[in-house]
Protein backbone atom coordinates (compact mmCIF):
# COMPACT_ATOMS: atom_id res chain seq x y z
CA MET A 1 0.15 0.01 -0.33
CA ARG A 2 1.05 3.46 -1.13
CA ILE A 3 0.95 5.91 2.18
CA LEU A 4 1.29 9.66 2.06
CA CYS A 5 3.02 11.99 4.44
CA VAL A 6 1.97 15.60 5.22
CA ASP A 7 4.87 18.16 7.45
CA TYR A 8 1.77 20.97 7.67
CA GLY A 9 2.75 24.14 8.64
CA ASP A 10 1.93 27.63 8.49
CA ALA A 11 4.20 28.88 4.98
CA ARG A 12 4.88 25.38 3.06
CA THR A 13 3.79 21.89 3.47
CA GLY A 14 5.78 19.17 2.94
CA LEU A 15 4.74 15.77 1.07
CA ALA A 16 6.61 12.42 0.75
CA ILE A 17 5.21 8.95 -1.01
CA SER A 18 6.02 5.83 0.35
CA ASP A 19 6.51 2.48 -2.40
CA GLU A 20 3.73 0.38 -2.70
CA LEU A 21 6.24 -2.44 -0.42
CA GLU A 22 5.82 0.18 2.24
CA MET A 23 9.99 0.20 2.97
CA ILE A 24 11.18 3.13 1.53
CA ALA A 25 9.86 6.85 1.35
CA SER A 26 10.67 9.83 -1.55
CA PRO A 27 10.05 13.46 -1.18
CA LEU A 28 7.68 14.88 -3.02
CA LYS A 29 6.88 18.66 -4.25
CA THR A 30 7.02 21.24 -1.48
CA TYR A 31 3.50 23.21 -1.12
CA LYS A 32 3.47 26.83 -1.15
CA MET A 33 0.76 28.02 1.63
CA LYS A 34 -2.67 29.43 0.91
CA SER A 35 -4.88 28.60 3.10
CA MET A 36 -6.01 25.44 4.98
CA ARG A 37 -8.59 24.66 2.58
CA CYS A 38 -6.54 24.88 -0.19
CA ALA A 39 -3.53 22.69 1.22
CA VAL A 40 -6.45 20.02 2.01
CA ASP A 41 -7.54 20.24 -1.71
CA TYR A 42 -3.86 19.68 -2.62
CA VAL A 43 -3.34 17.09 -0.77
CA ALA A 44 -6.29 15.25 -0.95
CA ASN A 45 -5.47 15.70 -5.07
CA ILE A 46 -2.04 14.37 -4.62
CA ALA A 47 -3.05 11.69 -2.58
CA HIS A 48 -6.06 10.10 -5.40
CA CYS A 49 -3.29 10.44 -8.12
CA GLU A 50 -0.44 8.74 -5.97
CA ARG A 51 -3.21 6.47 -5.14
CA ALA A 52 -2.45 6.17 -1.65
CA GLU A 53 -4.08 4.30 0.63
CA LEU A 54 -3.17 6.09 3.88
CA ILE A 55 -2.37 9.75 4.88
CA VAL A 56 0.46 10.06 8.26
CA VAL A 57 -0.08 13.35 9.72
CA GLY A 58 3.36 15.25 11.22
CA LEU A 59 2.06 15.98 14.61
CA PRO A 60 4.10 18.90 15.87
CA LEU A 61 4.71 18.18 19.97
CA ASN A 62 6.04 20.02 22.30
CA MET A 63 9.75 18.99 23.55
CA ASP A 64 7.45 17.64 26.58
CA GLY A 65 5.53 15.79 24.63
CA SER A 66 2.35 17.92 24.65
CA GLU A 67 0.37 19.32 22.36
CA GLY A 68 -0.14 22.80 21.88
CA VAL A 69 -1.39 25.56 19.55
CA ARG A 70 0.66 24.04 16.48
CA ALA A 71 -0.38 20.53 16.81
CA SER A 72 -4.18 21.30 17.58
CA LYS A 73 -4.31 23.17 13.83
CA THR A 74 -2.64 20.50 12.50
CA ARG A 75 -5.33 18.11 13.96
CA ALA A 76 -7.87 20.35 12.35
CA PHE A 77 -6.02 20.00 9.09
CA GLY A 78 -6.39 16.23 9.76
CA ARG A 79 -9.64 15.63 9.99
CA VAL A 80 -10.64 18.31 7.45
CA LEU A 81 -8.24 16.27 4.95
CA GLN A 82 -9.73 13.14 6.05
CA LYS A 83 -13.50 14.35 5.64
CA VAL A 84 -12.11 15.38 2.32
CA SER A 85 -9.84 12.58 0.96
CA GLY A 86 -12.19 9.50 2.52
CA LEU A 87 -8.72 8.35 3.97
CA ASP A 88 -7.64 7.44 7.04
CA VAL A 89 -5.39 10.18 8.74
CA VAL A 90 -2.90 9.31 11.73
CA TYR A 91 -0.62 11.51 13.13
CA ARG A 92 3.56 11.11 13.79
CA ASP A 93 5.28 12.64 16.48
CA GLU A 94 7.57 14.71 14.20
CA ARG A 95 9.64 16.64 16.60
CA LEU A 96 13.08 17.40 15.68
CA THR A 97 12.60 16.55 12.16
CA SER A 98 13.10 19.95 10.73
CA VAL A 99 15.88 20.54 12.13
CA GLU A 100 17.18 17.27 11.33
CA ALA A 101 16.33 17.26 7.07
CA GLU A 102 17.91 20.71 7.51
CA GLU A 103 21.10 19.41 8.24
CA ILE A 104 21.03 16.49 6.18
CA LEU A 105 20.37 19.00 3.33
CA LYS A 106 23.44 21.23 4.43
CA GLN A 107 25.56 18.05 4.67
CA GLY A 108 24.56 17.55 0.96
CA GLY A 109 25.97 20.70 -0.21
CA VAL A 110 22.24 22.37 -0.82
CA GLY A 111 22.93 26.22 -0.43
CA PHE A 112 20.40 28.10 1.95
CA ALA A 113 17.44 29.20 -0.23
CA GLU A 114 17.51 26.15 -1.93
CA ARG A 115 17.63 24.28 1.50
CA LYS A 116 14.68 26.28 2.39
CA GLU A 117 12.49 25.07 -0.56
CA LEU A 118 12.94 21.91 0.83
CA VAL A 119 13.34 21.20 4.33
CA ASP A 120 9.79 20.49 4.11
CA SER A 121 9.71 17.68 2.06
CA MET A 122 12.51 16.40 3.40
CA ALA A 123 11.08 16.78 7.27
CA ALA A 124 7.83 14.84 5.75
CA ARG A 125 10.21 11.95 4.45
CA LEU A 126 11.54 11.78 7.78
CA ILE A 127 8.36 10.99 9.43
CA LEU A 128 7.35 8.99 6.84
CA GLN A 129 10.63 6.35 7.13
CA SER A 130 9.98 6.67 10.66
CA TYR A 131 6.63 5.33 10.31
CA LEU A 132 7.39 2.59 8.01
CA GLU A 133 10.19 1.88 9.72
CA SER A 134 8.15 1.14 13.11
CA ASN A 135 5.33 -0.74 11.58
CA LYS A 136 7.72 -3.26 9.73
CA ASN A 137 9.22 -3.58 13.36
CA LYS A 138 5.65 -4.55 14.31
CA ARG A 139 4.68 -6.88 11.63
CA SER A 140 7.93 -8.56 12.37
CA ILE A 141 7.53 -9.67 16.56
């Protein structure tokens, strides 16, 4: 099954997709935000075009694991996305994925301007890869 991952943000929303074997996550193009509703429609369309059967949304928890304002906005986005897409939406802790994505791109020699464009989709890839590995471990037990 193909799984779409969303790193929802105020300015940009990163996307990533899994392969059908649920082993590899690949980044997709970052969506530049216009409104939450436009983002929902865009992501639902991508899910349909990519034949995704599940959507994982990165949940921005506070460092202590609690949910703040950003997590509430993300859950609201996820609820609307589930209704519009008709797909199940699950949430995955995304703490520090943007920092990790930024570091990966920097080490890869990607310049600042290009990193700004790529970091959200790279973060979505990291969130999805973590989700895939977690599920693989559960299936192998």
